[in-house]
Amino acid sequence: MAGKDELLVITKDGVLFKGPKKTFDRSTLIKQLLESREDPREALPVPEVDARTLELILPWLTNMEGNTPTEVPKLLRRVLKKHVTPFEWEFLTSVCLAGGDEKKHHNLLLVLTAANFLGIQELRELTTAMLAYMLKGKDVDQLHSLFEMELKGKRLGNSDYEKLYAKFPWMREEGKQ
């Protein structure tokens, strides 16, 4: 049971998190669930987010209590680090990219997906900017290497790309269908 200013969140793997309501203020999903629930003490389900991912997000949410997140320009012309706070940079490089290693980007994708599901626009934009920053200036071979997109030593063919576009439509260039 949660107190008046507390919130219970249950992840898709059944782990219960208890914390201040204000920690989750940036999540539109949590706000909607709070408005629609009958018992204010019941746990709110987040069926698309596991406990490990929520633990990755919580430091960012906690840091943003009472703070204004950085608005990252949609078109980065400079180094991302110059557009974000030291906390946000540390979060991106230490939490989202294990030790700042671009090849260890699994957490970045988890946080991005969870931020999207939870409706945390500022975190989604921050992680999307980091992803774009990682991709900027890389050629096709470097991208294949970064995302381990080699198929048994062969380069991806048109059918492989079509499968990727079907799974991730956002990868397709604007105007090309």
Protein backbone atom coordinates (compact mmCIF):
# COMPACT_ATOMS: atom_id res chain seq x y z
CA MET A 1 0.00 0.00 0.00
CA ALA A 2 1.23 3.43 -0.92
CA GLY A 3 0.88 6.51 1.26
CA LYS A 4 -0.68 9.80 0.19
CA ASP A 5 2.45 11.17 -1.51
CA GLU A 6 3.85 7.79 -2.52
CA LEU A 7 3.37 5.69 -5.58
CA LEU A 8 3.63 1.96 -6.21
CA VAL A 9 4.66 0.83 -9.69
CA ILE A 10 4.75 -2.81 -10.74
CA THR A 11 6.97 -3.76 -13.67
CA LYS A 12 6.28 -6.37 -16.32
CA ASP A 13 8.44 -8.86 -14.42
CA GLY A 14 6.42 -8.32 -11.25
CA VAL A 15 8.85 -6.17 -9.27
CA LEU A 16 7.21 -3.56 -7.06
CA PHE A 17 8.77 -0.08 -6.82
CA LYS A 18 7.73 2.41 -4.17
CA GLY A 19 8.66 6.05 -4.36
CA PRO A 20 7.47 9.64 -4.19
CA LYS A 21 4.74 10.55 -6.70
CA LYS A 22 6.77 13.58 -7.75
CA THR A 23 9.50 11.27 -9.06
CA PHE A 24 7.12 10.05 -11.76
CA ASP A 25 5.64 13.47 -12.63
CA ARG A 26 7.26 13.50 -16.08
CA SER A 27 5.49 10.31 -17.20
CA THR A 28 2.24 10.98 -19.05
CA LEU A 29 1.34 7.29 -18.73
CA ILE A 30 1.71 7.35 -14.93
CA LYS A 31 -0.36 10.56 -14.77
CA GLN A 32 -3.13 8.93 -16.83
CA LEU A 33 -3.06 5.80 -14.68
CA LEU A 34 -3.23 7.91 -11.52
CA GLU A 35 -6.29 9.75 -12.81
CA SER A 36 -8.11 6.59 -13.84
CA ARG A 37 -7.52 4.31 -10.88
CA GLU A 38 -10.15 3.75 -8.22
CA ASP A 39 -7.90 3.02 -5.24
CA PRO A 40 -5.09 5.59 -4.88
CA ARG A 41 -3.02 3.06 -2.96
CA GLU A 42 -2.98 0.36 -5.65
CA ALA A 43 0.13 -0.39 -7.71
CA LEU A 44 0.26 1.02 -11.22
CA PRO A 45 1.22 -1.54 -13.86
CA VAL A 46 3.86 -0.69 -16.45
CA PRO A 47 3.63 -3.84 -18.60
CA GLU A 48 6.26 -2.80 -21.15
CA VAL A 49 9.02 -1.90 -18.67
CA ASP A 50 11.03 -4.42 -16.66
CA ALA A 51 12.60 -3.76 -13.27
CA ARG A 52 16.14 -3.45 -14.64
CA THR A 53 15.08 -0.75 -17.10
CA LEU A 54 13.06 1.14 -14.50
CA GLU A 55 16.14 1.09 -12.26
CA LEU A 56 18.12 2.66 -15.12
CA ILE A 57 15.53 5.44 -15.51
CA LEU A 58 14.98 6.26 -11.83
CA PRO A 59 18.20 8.32 -11.35
CA TRP A 60 17.19 10.54 -14.27
CA LEU A 61 13.63 10.91 -12.96
CA THR A 62 14.90 11.69 -9.45
CA ASN A 63 17.37 14.26 -10.76
CA MET A 64 14.64 15.97 -12.77
CA GLU A 65 12.41 16.55 -9.70
CA GLY A 66 12.14 20.32 -9.62
CA ASN A 67 14.63 20.72 -12.49
CA THR A 68 14.05 21.61 -16.09
CA PRO A 69 15.52 19.08 -18.50
CA THR A 70 17.78 20.36 -21.24
CA GLU A 71 16.08 20.98 -24.55
CA VAL A 72 18.38 19.34 -27.07
CA PRO A 73 18.28 20.93 -30.55
CA LYS A 74 16.57 18.74 -33.14
CA LEU A 75 19.48 19.26 -35.51
CA LEU A 76 22.77 18.79 -33.70
CA ARG A 77 25.51 20.84 -35.25
CA ARG A 78 27.95 20.48 -32.37
CA VAL A 79 29.01 17.91 -29.83
CA LEU A 80 26.04 16.69 -27.79
CA LYS A 81 27.97 17.17 -24.54
CA LYS A 82 27.82 20.95 -25.08
CA HIS A 83 24.00 20.87 -25.14
CA VAL A 84 23.33 18.87 -21.96
CA THR A 85 24.03 19.21 -18.26
CA PRO A 86 26.92 17.32 -16.64
CA PHE A 87 24.36 15.02 -14.97
CA GLU A 88 22.66 14.26 -18.30
CA TRP A 89 26.01 13.56 -19.99
CA GLU A 90 27.04 11.25 -17.15
CA PHE A 91 23.66 9.51 -17.37
CA LEU A 92 24.02 9.01 -21.12
CA THR A 93 27.62 7.81 -21.06
CA SER A 94 27.67 5.79 -17.83
CA VAL A 95 24.14 4.41 -17.60
CA CYS A 96 22.96 4.29 -21.20
CA LEU A 97 26.32 3.48 -22.79
CA ALA A 98 28.24 1.21 -20.46
CA GLY A 99 31.41 3.17 -19.76
CA GLY A 100 30.79 5.44 -22.75
CA ASP A 101 31.34 2.57 -25.21
CA GLU A 102 29.02 3.03 -28.19
CA LYS A 103 29.03 -0.71 -28.85
CA LYS A 104 27.51 -1.20 -25.38
CA HIS A 105 24.34 0.67 -26.30
CA HIS A 106 21.79 -1.93 -25.14
CA ASN A 107 20.81 0.18 -22.10
CA LEU A 108 20.35 3.24 -24.32
CA LEU A 109 17.81 1.36 -26.43
CA LEU A 110 16.06 0.01 -23.31
CA VAL A 111 15.80 3.49 -21.79
CA LEU A 112 14.63 5.01 -25.08
CA THR A 113 11.92 2.36 -25.51
CA ALA A 114 10.78 2.69 -21.87
CA ALA A 115 10.73 6.49 -22.08
CA ASN A 116 8.57 6.22 -25.17
CA PHE A 117 6.15 3.78 -23.48
CA LEU A 118 5.99 5.79 -20.25
CA GLY A 119 5.50 9.04 -22.15
CA ILE A 120 8.58 10.76 -20.76
CA GLN A 121 9.14 13.11 -23.67
CA GLU A 122 12.27 14.81 -22.35
CA LEU A 123 14.04 11.49 -21.69
CA ARG A 124 12.95 10.14 -25.07
CA GLU A 125 14.36 13.22 -26.77
CA LEU A 126 17.59 13.04 -24.78
CA THR A 127 18.20 9.37 -25.60
CA THR A 128 17.18 9.88 -29.23
CA ALA A 129 19.71 12.73 -29.44
CA MET A 130 22.39 10.41 -28.04
CA LEU A 131 21.49 7.76 -30.61
CA ALA A 132 21.64 10.34 -33.41
CA TYR A 133 24.95 11.63 -32.05
CA MET A 134 26.33 8.07 -32.14
CA LEU A 135 25.24 7.64 -35.76
CA LYS A 136 26.41 11.03 -37.00
CA GLY A 137 29.29 10.86 -39.44
CA LYS A 138 29.49 7.06 -39.61
CA ASP A 139 29.55 5.24 -42.91
CA VAL A 140 27.55 2.09 -43.65
CA ASP A 141 30.32 -0.28 -42.60
CA GLN A 142 30.75 1.51 -39.28
CA LEU A 143 26.99 1.35 -38.67
CA HIS A 144 26.94 -2.36 -39.49
CA SER A 145 29.75 -2.87 -37.01
CA LEU A 146 28.15 -0.70 -34.32
CA PHE A 147 24.85 -2.56 -34.47
CA GLU A 148 26.43 -5.95 -35.26
CA MET A 149 24.49 -6.17 -38.50
CA GLU A 150 26.73 -8.63 -40.29
CA LEU A 151 25.11 -11.87 -41.37
CA LYS A 152 27.71 -14.63 -41.26
CA GLY A 153 30.33 -12.45 -42.87
CA LYS A 154 27.99 -11.15 -45.58
CA ARG A 155 26.79 -7.62 -45.99
CA LEU A 156 23.10 -6.98 -45.65
CA GLY A 157 21.14 -7.30 -48.87
CA ASN A 158 17.93 -5.59 -50.00
CA SER A 159 15.72 -8.27 -48.45
CA ASP A 160 17.56 -7.85 -45.13
CA TYR A 161 16.94 -4.12 -45.25
CA GLU A 162 13.26 -4.66 -46.06
CA LYS A 163 12.94 -6.88 -42.98
CA LEU A 164 14.57 -4.16 -40.88
CA TYR A 165 12.30 -1.48 -42.37
CA ALA A 166 9.26 -3.63 -41.61
CA LYS A 167 10.38 -4.03 -38.00
CA PHE A 168 11.71 -0.47 -37.57
CA PRO A 169 9.87 1.84 -40.03
CA TRP A 170 11.62 4.91 -38.60
CA MET A 171 14.86 3.68 -40.22
CA ARG A 172 13.55 4.39 -43.70
CA GLU A 173 14.63 7.73 -45.11
CA GLU A 174 11.94 10.43 -45.27
CA GLY A 175 9.97 10.27 -48.49
CA LYS A 176 11.22 6.80 -49.50
CA GLN A 177 8.63 4.08 -49.20
